[in-house]
Amino acid sequence: MMMNLQEFKSTLSSGEMPENLSVYLQALWYDGRGDWKAAHDLIDQRSDKRSAHLHAYLHRKEGDIWNADYWYNRAGEKRPAVSLEQEWEQLVQGFLAG
């Protein structure tokens, strides 16, 4: 099922997670619904670079900048100079694109 950012965002208000989402999109879906813990729990034990980037975003959102920067470094990324909402959207679009 191919979906765009607006379609993904529209599922947040329904409360029904779309089927067949990657673990990354599942975490972003939970975060988009305000469930930081569920999002973090999904990616906390993963070690790939994409998970590290998502992990960094979640710690940035939490306000733990030192930990966020550690994870951005693990992901080979720099902390972005955009809002948390913009970063969330960029991550969703990147994971939707594959």
PDB file of N, CA and C in Angstrom:
ATOM      1  N   MET A   1       0.850  -1.187   0.000  1.00  0.00           N
ATOM      2  CA  MET A   1       0.000   0.000   0.000  1.00  0.00           C
ATOM      3  C   MET A   1       0.889   1.241   0.000  1.00  0.00           C
ATOM      4  N   MET A   2       0.847   1.993  -1.077  1.00  0.00           N
ATOM      5  CA  MET A   2       1.608   3.238  -1.140  1.00  0.00           C
ATOM      6  C   MET A   2       0.756   4.359  -0.564  1.00  0.00           C
ATOM      7  N   MET A   3       1.385   5.185   0.227  1.00  0.00           N
ATOM      8  CA  MET A   3       0.664   6.260   0.881  1.00  0.00           C
ATOM      9  C   MET A   3       1.584   7.470   0.905  1.00  0.00           C
ATOM     10  N   ASN A   4       0.979   8.660   0.929  1.00  0.00           N
ATOM     11  CA  ASN A   4       1.786   9.870   1.028  1.00  0.00           C
ATOM     12  C   ASN A   4       1.684  10.442   2.440  1.00  0.00           C
ATOM     13  N   LEU A   5       2.389  11.528   2.674  1.00  0.00           N
ATOM     14  CA  LEU A   5       2.437  12.124   4.010  1.00  0.00           C
ATOM     15  C   LEU A   5       1.044  12.498   4.497  1.00  0.00           C
ATOM     16  N   GLN A   6       0.249  13.141   3.643  1.00  0.00           N
ATOM     17  CA  GLN A   6      -1.083  13.584   4.081  1.00  0.00           C
ATOM     18  C   GLN A   6      -1.963  12.388   4.429  1.00  0.00           C
ATOM     19  N   GLU A   7      -1.884  11.326   3.642  1.00  0.00           N
ATOM     20  CA  GLU A   7      -2.667  10.123   3.933  1.00  0.00           C
ATOM     21  C   GLU A   7      -2.217   9.504   5.256  1.00  0.00           C
ATOM     22  N   PHE A   8      -0.894   9.471   5.483  1.00  0.00           N
ATOM     23  CA  PHE A   8      -0.359   8.935   6.733  1.00  0.00           C
ATOM     24  C   PHE A   8      -0.877   9.760   7.906  1.00  0.00           C
ATOM     25  N   LYS A   9      -0.798  11.093   7.777  1.00  0.00           N
ATOM     26  CA  LYS A   9      -1.251  11.975   8.855  1.00  0.00           C
ATOM     27  C   LYS A   9      -2.736  11.803   9.127  1.00  0.00           C
ATOM     28  N   SER A  10      -3.522  11.545   8.086  1.00  0.00           N
ATOM     29  CA  SER A  10      -4.973  11.408   8.273  1.00  0.00           C
ATOM     30  C   SER A  10      -5.321  10.175   9.106  1.00  0.00           C
ATOM     31  N   THR A  11      -4.437   9.177   9.120  1.00  0.00           N
ATOM     32  CA  THR A  11      -4.721   7.978   9.925  1.00  0.00           C
ATOM     33  C   THR A  11      -4.511   8.233  11.416  1.00  0.00           C
ATOM     34  N   LEU A  12      -3.801   9.305  11.759  1.00  0.00           N
ATOM     35  CA  LEU A  12      -3.535   9.581  13.171  1.00  0.00           C
ATOM     36  C   LEU A  12      -4.813   9.895  13.922  1.00  0.00           C
ATOM     37  N   SER A  13      -5.723  10.614  13.292  1.00  0.00           N
ATOM     38  CA  SER A  13      -6.956  10.987  13.985  1.00  0.00           C
ATOM     39  C   SER A  13      -7.935   9.829  14.086  1.00  0.00           C
ATOM     40  N   SER A  14      -7.840   8.873  13.163  1.00  0.00           N
ATOM     41  CA  SER A  14      -8.755   7.728  13.214  1.00  0.00           C
ATOM     42  C   SER A  14      -8.401   6.784  14.355  1.00  0.00           C
ATOM     43  N   GLY A  15      -7.120   6.789  14.744  1.00  0.00           N
ATOM     44  CA  GLY A  15      -6.690   5.878  15.795  1.00  0.00           C
ATOM     45  C   GLY A  15      -6.438   4.465  15.309  1.00  0.00           C
ATOM     46  N   GLU A  16      -6.543   4.248  13.997  1.00  0.00           N
ATOM     47  CA  GLU A  16      -6.298   2.917  13.439  1.00  0.00           C
ATOM     48  C   GLU A  16      -5.036   2.947  12.598  1.00  0.00           C
ATOM     49  N   MET A  17      -4.015   2.246  13.100  1.00  0.00           N
ATOM     50  CA  MET A  17      -2.748   2.181  12.372  1.00  0.00           C
ATOM     51  C   MET A  17      -2.957   1.439  11.057  1.00  0.00           C
ATOM     52  N   PRO A  18      -2.456   2.005   9.955  1.00  0.00           N
ATOM     53  CA  PRO A  18      -2.545   1.286   8.679  1.00  0.00           C
ATOM     54  C   PRO A  18      -1.799  -0.053   8.761  1.00  0.00           C
ATOM     55  N   GLU A  19      -2.248  -1.003   7.982  1.00  0.00           N
ATOM     56  CA  GLU A  19      -1.600  -2.320   7.954  1.00  0.00           C
ATOM     57  C   GLU A  19      -0.286  -2.248   7.196  1.00  0.00           C
ATOM     58  N   ASN A  20       0.576  -3.175   7.511  1.00  0.00           N
ATOM     59  CA  ASN A  20       1.832  -3.381   6.770  1.00  0.00           C
ATOM     60  C   ASN A  20       2.802  -2.214   6.832  1.00  0.00           C
ATOM     61  N   LEU A  21       2.779  -1.440   7.920  1.00  0.00           N
ATOM     62  CA  LEU A  21       3.767  -0.380   8.081  1.00  0.00           C
ATOM     63  C   LEU A  21       5.077  -0.974   8.574  1.00  0.00           C
ATOM     64  N   SER A  22       6.180  -0.408   8.118  1.00  0.00           N
ATOM     65  CA  SER A  22       7.487  -0.802   8.652  1.00  0.00           C
ATOM     66  C   SER A  22       7.541  -0.429  10.134  1.00  0.00           C
ATOM     67  N   VAL A  23       8.477  -1.008  10.846  1.00  0.00           N
ATOM     68  CA  VAL A  23       8.633  -0.685  12.262  1.00  0.00           C
ATOM     69  C   VAL A  23       8.914   0.803  12.441  1.00  0.00           C
ATOM     70  N   TYR A  24       9.618   1.406  11.499  1.00  0.00           N
ATOM     71  CA  TYR A  24       9.936   2.832  11.575  1.00  0.00           C
ATOM     72  C   TYR A  24       8.659   3.670  11.491  1.00  0.00           C
ATOM     73  N   LEU A  25       7.805   3.334  10.524  1.00  0.00           N
ATOM     74  CA  LEU A  25       6.552   4.072  10.369  1.00  0.00           C
ATOM     75  C   LEU A  25       5.597   3.786  11.520  1.00  0.00           C
ATOM     76  N   GLN A  26       5.636   2.578  12.066  1.00  0.00           N
ATOM     77  CA  GLN A  26       4.825   2.297  13.252  1.00  0.00           C
ATOM     78  C   GLN A  26       5.246   3.226  14.395  1.00  0.00           C
ATOM     79  N   ALA A  27       6.558   3.366  14.588  1.00  0.00           N
ATOM     80  CA  ALA A  27       7.061   4.235  15.664  1.00  0.00           C
ATOM     81  C   ALA A  27       6.648   5.683  15.411  1.00  0.00           C
ATOM     82  N   LEU A  28       6.763   6.144  14.175  1.00  0.00           N
ATOM     83  CA  LEU A  28       6.367   7.520  13.863  1.00  0.00           C
ATOM     84  C   LEU A  28       4.861   7.713  14.002  1.00  0.00           C
ATOM     85  N   TRP A  29       4.092   6.683  13.712  1.00  0.00           N
ATOM     86  CA  TRP A  29       2.642   6.750  13.886  1.00  0.00           C
ATOM     87  C   TRP A  29       2.304   6.922  15.375  1.00  0.00           C
ATOM     88  N   TYR A  30       2.915   6.086  16.209  1.00  0.00           N
ATOM     89  CA  TYR A  30       2.676   6.235  17.653  1.00  0.00           C
ATOM     90  C   TYR A  30       3.107   7.616  18.140  1.00  0.00           C
ATOM     91  N   ASP A  31       4.266   8.075  17.689  1.00  0.00           N
ATOM     92  CA  ASP A  31       4.729   9.396  18.097  1.00  0.00           C
ATOM     93  C   ASP A  31       3.754  10.469  17.620  1.00  0.00           C
ATOM     94  N   GLY A  32       3.261  10.332  16.410  1.00  0.00           N
ATOM     95  CA  GLY A  32       2.300  11.289  15.870  1.00  0.00           C
ATOM     96  C   GLY A  32       1.009  11.339  16.659  1.00  0.00           C
ATOM     97  N   ARG A  33       0.700  10.249  17.354  1.00  0.00           N
ATOM     98  CA  ARG A  33      -0.491  10.197  18.212  1.00  0.00           C
ATOM     99  C   ARG A  33      -0.169  10.579  19.656  1.00  0.00           C
ATOM    100  N   GLY A  34       1.074  10.989  19.883  1.00  0.00           N
ATOM    101  CA  GLY A  34       1.430  11.442  21.226  1.00  0.00           C
ATOM    102  C   GLY A  34       1.902  10.342  22.163  1.00  0.00           C
ATOM    103  N   ASP A  35       2.181   9.169  21.629  1.00  0.00           N
ATOM    104  CA  ASP A  35       2.629   8.052  22.478  1.00  0.00           C
ATOM    105  C   ASP A  35       4.135   7.852  22.278  1.00  0.00           C
ATOM    106  N   TRP A  36       4.918   8.735  22.895  1.00  0.00           N
ATOM    107  CA  TRP A  36       6.375   8.694  22.767  1.00  0.00           C
ATOM    108  C   TRP A  36       6.929   7.353  23.233  1.00  0.00           C
ATOM    109  N   LYS A  37       6.409   6.844  24.338  1.00  0.00           N
ATOM    110  CA  LYS A  37       6.937   5.596  24.901  1.00  0.00           C
ATOM    111  C   LYS A  37       6.756   4.428  23.935  1.00  0.00           C
ATOM    112  N   ALA A  38       5.592   4.302  23.343  1.00  0.00           N
ATOM    113  CA  ALA A  38       5.364   3.208  22.384  1.00  0.00           C
ATOM    114  C   ALA A  38       6.312   3.338  21.199  1.00  0.00           C
ATOM    115  N   ALA A  39       6.516   4.576  20.734  1.00  0.00           N
ATOM    116  CA  ALA A  39       7.433   4.811  19.617  1.00  0.00           C
ATOM    117  C   ALA A  39       8.850   4.402  20.003  1.00  0.00           C
ATOM    118  N   HIS A  40       9.287   4.850  21.168  1.00  0.00           N
ATOM    119  CA  HIS A  40      10.645   4.552  21.630  1.00  0.00           C
ATOM    120  C   HIS A  40      10.829   3.052  21.842  1.00  0.00           C
ATOM    121  N   ASP A  41       9.823   2.399  22.425  1.00  0.00           N
ATOM    122  CA  ASP A  41       9.925   0.959  22.687  1.00  0.00           C
ATOM    123  C   ASP A  41      10.125   0.163  21.400  1.00  0.00           C
ATOM    124  N   LEU A  42       9.545   0.617  20.296  1.00  0.00           N
ATOM    125  CA  LEU A  42       9.673  -0.115  19.033  1.00  0.00           C
ATOM    126  C   LEU A  42      11.085  -0.075  18.467  1.00  0.00           C
ATOM    127  N   ILE A  43      11.806   1.001  18.715  1.00  0.00           N
ATOM    128  CA  ILE A  43      13.120   1.132  18.062  1.00  0.00           C
ATOM    129  C   ILE A  43      14.289   1.103  19.040  1.00  0.00           C
ATOM    130  N   ASP A  44      14.007   1.053  20.309  1.00  0.00           N
ATOM    131  CA  ASP A  44      15.050   1.152  21.331  1.00  0.00           C
ATOM    132  C   ASP A  44      16.141   0.093  21.205  1.00  0.00           C
ATOM    133  N   GLN A  45      15.802  -1.112  20.837  1.00  0.00           N
ATOM    134  CA  GLN A  45      16.792  -2.198  20.796  1.00  0.00           C
ATOM    135  C   GLN A  45      17.352  -2.445  19.399  1.00  0.00           C
ATOM    136  N   ARG A  46      16.977  -1.614  18.443  1.00  0.00           N
ATOM    137  CA  ARG A  46      17.441  -1.801  17.065  1.00  0.00           C
ATOM    138  C   ARG A  46      18.753  -1.053  16.866  1.00  0.00           C
ATOM    139  N   SER A  47      19.607  -1.568  15.993  1.00  0.00           N
ATOM    140  CA  SER A  47      20.943  -0.974  15.856  1.00  0.00           C
ATOM    141  C   SER A  47      21.256  -0.444  14.459  1.00  0.00           C
ATOM    142  N   ASP A  48      20.298  -0.523  13.525  1.00  0.00           N
ATOM    143  CA  ASP A  48      20.573  -0.027  12.174  1.00  0.00           C
ATOM    144  C   ASP A  48      20.542   1.508  12.151  1.00  0.00           C
ATOM    145  N   LYS A  49      21.115   2.080  11.096  1.00  0.00           N
ATOM    146  CA  LYS A  49      21.230   3.548  11.003  1.00  0.00           C
ATOM    147  C   LYS A  49      19.873   4.237  10.939  1.00  0.00           C
ATOM    148  N   ARG A  50      18.912   3.631  10.285  1.00  0.00           N
ATOM    149  CA  ARG A  50      17.584   4.254  10.189  1.00  0.00           C
ATOM    150  C   ARG A  50      16.932   4.308  11.573  1.00  0.00           C
ATOM    151  N   SER A  51      17.081   3.250  12.344  1.00  0.00           N
ATOM    152  CA  SER A  51      16.553   3.261  13.714  1.00  0.00           C
ATOM    153  C   SER A  51      17.286   4.290  14.561  1.00  0.00           C
ATOM    154  N   ALA A  52      18.597   4.411  14.371  1.00  0.00           N
ATOM    155  CA  ALA A  52      19.373   5.388  15.136  1.00  0.00           C
ATOM    156  C   ALA A  52      18.884   6.808  14.843  1.00  0.00           C
ATOM    157  N   HIS A  53      18.554   7.087  13.583  1.00  0.00           N
ATOM    158  CA  HIS A  53      18.053   8.415  13.224  1.00  0.00           C
ATOM    159  C   HIS A  53      16.707   8.679  13.905  1.00  0.00           C
ATOM    160  N   LEU A  54      15.837   7.708  13.866  1.00  0.00           N
ATOM    161  CA  LEU A  54      14.540   7.831  14.520  1.00  0.00           C
ATOM    162  C   LEU A  54      14.707   7.960  16.037  1.00  0.00           C
ATOM    163  N   HIS A  55      15.608   7.192  16.599  1.00  0.00           N
ATOM    164  CA  HIS A  55      15.926   7.230  18.024  1.00  0.00           C
ATOM    165  C   HIS A  55      16.409   8.637  18.397  1.00  0.00           C
ATOM    166  N   ALA A  56      17.265   9.217  17.550  1.00  0.00           N
ATOM    167  CA  ALA A  56      17.775  10.571  17.785  1.00  0.00           C
ATOM    168  C   ALA A  56      16.638  11.574  17.822  1.00  0.00           C
ATOM    169  N   TYR A  57      15.748  11.496  16.839  1.00  0.00           N
ATOM    170  CA  TYR A  57      14.588  12.398  16.792  1.00  0.00           C
ATOM    171  C   TYR A  57      13.775  12.283  18.082  1.00  0.00           C
ATOM    172  N   LEU A  58      13.517  11.059  18.520  1.00  0.00           N
ATOM    173  CA  LEU A  58      12.693  10.869  19.726  1.00  0.00           C
ATOM    174  C   LEU A  58      13.359  11.481  20.959  1.00  0.00           C
ATOM    175  N   HIS A  59      14.676  11.330  21.073  1.00  0.00           N
ATOM    176  CA  HIS A  59      15.358  11.925  22.235  1.00  0.00           C
ATOM    177  C   HIS A  59      15.428  13.450  22.103  1.00  0.00           C
ATOM    178  N   ARG A  60      15.529  13.957  20.874  1.00  0.00           N
ATOM    179  CA  ARG A  60      15.458  15.409  20.675  1.00  0.00           C
ATOM    180  C   ARG A  60      14.089  15.913  21.132  1.00  0.00           C
ATOM    181  N   LYS A  61      13.034  15.189  20.759  1.00  0.00           N
ATOM    182  CA  LYS A  61      11.679  15.585  21.152  1.00  0.00           C
ATOM    183  C   LYS A  61      11.526  15.549  22.670  1.00  0.00           C
ATOM    184  N   GLU A  62      12.142  14.560  23.279  1.00  0.00           N
ATOM    185  CA  GLU A  62      12.086  14.401  24.734  1.00  0.00           C
ATOM    186  C   GLU A  62      12.825  15.545  25.441  1.00  0.00           C
ATOM    187  N   GLY A  63      13.742  16.193  24.723  1.00  0.00           N
ATOM    188  CA  GLY A  63      14.522  17.266  25.320  1.00  0.00           C
ATOM    189  C   GLY A  63      15.881  16.811  25.818  1.00  0.00           C
ATOM    190  N   ASP A  64      16.237  15.543  25.543  1.00  0.00           N
ATOM    191  CA  ASP A  64      17.521  14.983  25.964  1.00  0.00           C
ATOM    192  C   ASP A  64      18.516  15.162  24.810  1.00  0.00           C
ATOM    193  N   ILE A  65      19.037  16.385  24.675  1.00  0.00           N
ATOM    194  CA  ILE A  65      19.848  16.742  23.506  1.00  0.00           C
ATOM    195  C   ILE A  65      21.163  15.960  23.457  1.00  0.00           C
ATOM    196  N   TRP A  66      21.789  15.721  24.606  1.00  0.00           N
ATOM    197  CA  TRP A  66      23.033  14.949  24.609  1.00  0.00           C
ATOM    198  C   TRP A  66      22.776  13.565  24.024  1.00  0.00           C
ATOM    199  N   ASN A  67      21.737  12.904  24.488  1.00  0.00           N
ATOM    200  CA  ASN A  67      21.401  11.566  24.000  1.00  0.00           C
ATOM    201  C   ASN A  67      20.991  11.627  22.525  1.00  0.00           C
ATOM    202  N   ALA A  68      20.244  12.653  22.152  1.00  0.00           N
ATOM    203  CA  ALA A  68      19.843  12.811  20.752  1.00  0.00           C
ATOM    204  C   ALA A  68      21.085  12.922  19.867  1.00  0.00           C
ATOM    205  N   ASP A  69      22.038  13.767  20.280  1.00  0.00           N
ATOM    206  CA  ASP A  69      23.244  13.948  19.472  1.00  0.00           C
ATOM    207  C   ASP A  69      24.048  12.657  19.357  1.00  0.00           C
ATOM    208  N   TYR A  70      24.068  11.860  20.424  1.00  0.00           N
ATOM    209  CA  TYR A  70      24.722  10.552  20.374  1.00  0.00           C
ATOM    210  C   TYR A  70      24.088   9.710  19.262  1.00  0.00           C
ATOM    211  N   TRP A  71      22.754   9.673  19.205  1.00  0.00           N
ATOM    212  CA  TRP A  71      22.060   8.856  18.213  1.00  0.00           C
ATOM    213  C   TRP A  71      22.168   9.443  16.814  1.00  0.00           C
ATOM    214  N   TYR A  72      22.133  10.778  16.693  1.00  0.00           N
ATOM    215  CA  TYR A  72      22.369  11.369  15.357  1.00  0.00           C
ATOM    216  C   TYR A  72      23.746  10.943  14.848  1.00  0.00           C
ATOM    217  N   ASN A  73      24.737  10.973  15.731  1.00  0.00           N
ATOM    218  CA  ASN A  73      26.088  10.552  15.348  1.00  0.00           C
ATOM    219  C   ASN A  73      26.098   9.085  14.906  1.00  0.00           C
ATOM    220  N   ARG A  74      25.411   8.227  15.648  1.00  0.00           N
ATOM    221  CA  ARG A  74      25.328   6.803  15.281  1.00  0.00           C
ATOM    222  C   ARG A  74      24.670   6.619  13.919  1.00  0.00           C
ATOM    223  N   ALA A  75      23.737   7.530  13.599  1.00  0.00           N
ATOM    224  CA  ALA A  75      23.016   7.441  12.324  1.00  0.00           C
ATOM    225  C   ALA A  75      23.795   8.087  11.185  1.00  0.00           C
ATOM    226  N   GLY A  76      24.928   8.752  11.519  1.00  0.00           N
ATOM    227  CA  GLY A  76      25.676   9.469  10.499  1.00  0.00           C
ATOM    228  C   GLY A  76      24.983  10.751  10.080  1.00  0.00           C
ATOM    229  N   GLU A  77      24.208  11.324  10.990  1.00  0.00           N
ATOM    230  CA  GLU A  77      23.432  12.534  10.712  1.00  0.00           C
ATOM    231  C   GLU A  77      23.843  13.644  11.669  1.00  0.00           C
ATOM    232  N   LYS A  78      23.442  14.856  11.338  1.00  0.00           N
ATOM    233  CA  LYS A  78      23.602  16.002  12.237  1.00  0.00           C
ATOM    234  C   LYS A  78      22.218  16.390  12.733  1.00  0.00           C
ATOM    235  N   ARG A  79      22.147  16.922  13.950  1.00  0.00           N
ATOM    236  CA  ARG A  79      20.856  17.389  14.461  1.00  0.00           C
ATOM    237  C   ARG A  79      20.343  18.476  13.526  1.00  0.00           C
ATOM    238  N   PRO A  80      19.133  18.303  12.994  1.00  0.00           N
ATOM    239  CA  PRO A  80      18.629  19.270  12.018  1.00  0.00           C
ATOM    240  C   PRO A  80      18.214  20.583  12.671  1.00  0.00           C
ATOM    241  N   ALA A  81      18.309  21.643  11.888  1.00  0.00           N
ATOM    242  CA  ALA A  81      17.919  22.974  12.358  1.00  0.00           C
ATOM    243  C   ALA A  81      16.497  23.275  11.891  1.00  0.00           C
ATOM    244  N   VAL A  82      15.610  22.312  12.078  1.00  0.00           N
ATOM    245  CA  VAL A  82      14.199  22.472  11.719  1.00  0.00           C
ATOM    246  C   VAL A  82      13.370  22.144  12.955  1.00  0.00           C
ATOM    247  N   SER A  83      12.088  22.479  12.899  1.00  0.00           N
ATOM    248  CA  SER A  83      11.202  22.165  14.025  1.00  0.00           C
ATOM    249  C   SER A  83      11.036  20.653  14.170  1.00  0.00           C
ATOM    250  N   LEU A  84      10.589  20.230  15.334  1.00  0.00           N
ATOM    251  CA  LEU A  84      10.322  18.806  15.541  1.00  0.00           C
ATOM    252  C   LEU A  84       9.250  18.318  14.571  1.00  0.00           C
ATOM    253  N   GLU A  85       8.245  19.139  14.312  1.00  0.00           N
ATOM    254  CA  GLU A  85       7.192  18.748  13.371  1.00  0.00           C
ATOM    255  C   GLU A  85       7.761  18.554  11.966  1.00  0.00           C
ATOM    256  N   GLN A  86       8.646  19.465  11.556  1.00  0.00           N
ATOM    257  CA  GLN A  86       9.265  19.323  10.230  1.00  0.00           C
ATOM    258  C   GLN A  86      10.137  18.074  10.173  1.00  0.00           C
ATOM    259  N   GLU A  87      10.875  17.807  11.246  1.00  0.00           N
ATOM    260  CA  GLU A  87      11.719  16.604  11.240  1.00  0.00           C
ATOM    261  C   GLU A  87      10.851  15.358  11.177  1.00  0.00           C
ATOM    262  N   TRP A  88       9.754  15.348  11.935  1.00  0.00           N
ATOM    263  CA  TRP A  88       8.831  14.204  11.915  1.00  0.00           C
ATOM    264  C   TRP A  88       8.323  13.981  10.492  1.00  0.00           C
ATOM    265  N   GLU A  89       7.905  15.061   9.826  1.00  0.00           N
ATOM    266  CA  GLU A  89       7.398  14.943   8.461  1.00  0.00           C
ATOM    267  C   GLU A  89       8.470  14.428   7.505  1.00  0.00           C
ATOM    268  N   GLN A  90       9.698  14.934   7.657  1.00  0.00           N
ATOM    269  CA  GLN A  90      10.800  14.476   6.802  1.00  0.00           C
ATOM    270  C   GLN A  90      11.068  12.990   7.025  1.00  0.00           C
ATOM    271  N   LEU A  91      11.036  12.560   8.273  1.00  0.00           N
ATOM    272  CA  LEU A  91      11.261  11.142   8.567  1.00  0.00           C
ATOM    273  C   LEU A  91      10.142  10.288   7.966  1.00  0.00           C
ATOM    274  N   VAL A  92       8.882  10.712   8.156  1.00  0.00           N
ATOM    275  CA  VAL A  92       7.759   9.956   7.590  1.00  0.00           C
ATOM    276  C   VAL A  92       7.924   9.850   6.077  1.00  0.00           C
ATOM    277  N   GLN A  93       8.202  10.977   5.417  1.00  0.00           N
ATOM    278  CA  GLN A  93       8.341  10.951   3.961  1.00  0.00           C
ATOM    279  C   GLN A  93       9.490  10.039   3.535  1.00  0.00           C
ATOM    280  N   GLY A  94      10.590  10.083   4.255  1.00  0.00           N
ATOM    281  CA  GLY A  94      11.715   9.219   3.919  1.00  0.00           C
ATOM    282  C   GLY A  94      11.388   7.750   4.064  1.00  0.00           C
ATOM    283  N   PHE A  95      10.681   7.402   5.138  1.00  0.00           N
ATOM    284  CA  PHE A  95      10.333   5.989   5.346  1.00  0.00           C
ATOM    285  C   PHE A  95       9.214   5.543   4.410  1.00  0.00           C
ATOM    286  N   LEU A  96       8.296   6.445   4.056  1.00  0.00           N
ATOM    287  CA  LEU A  96       7.258   6.092   3.085  1.00  0.00           C
ATOM    288  C   LEU A  96       7.885   5.816   1.723  1.00  0.00           C
ATOM    289  N   ALA A  97       8.940   6.552   1.391  1.00  0.00           N
ATOM    290  CA  ALA A  97       9.609   6.383   0.106  1.00  0.00           C
ATOM    291  C   ALA A  97      10.445   5.107   0.057  1.00  0.00           C
ATOM    292  N   GLY A  98      10.676   4.525   1.233  1.00  0.00           N
ATOM    293  CA  GLY A  98      11.458   3.296   1.281  1.00  0.00           C
ATOM    294  C   GLY A  98      12.837   3.600   1.724  1.00  0.00           C
TER     295      GLY A  98
END
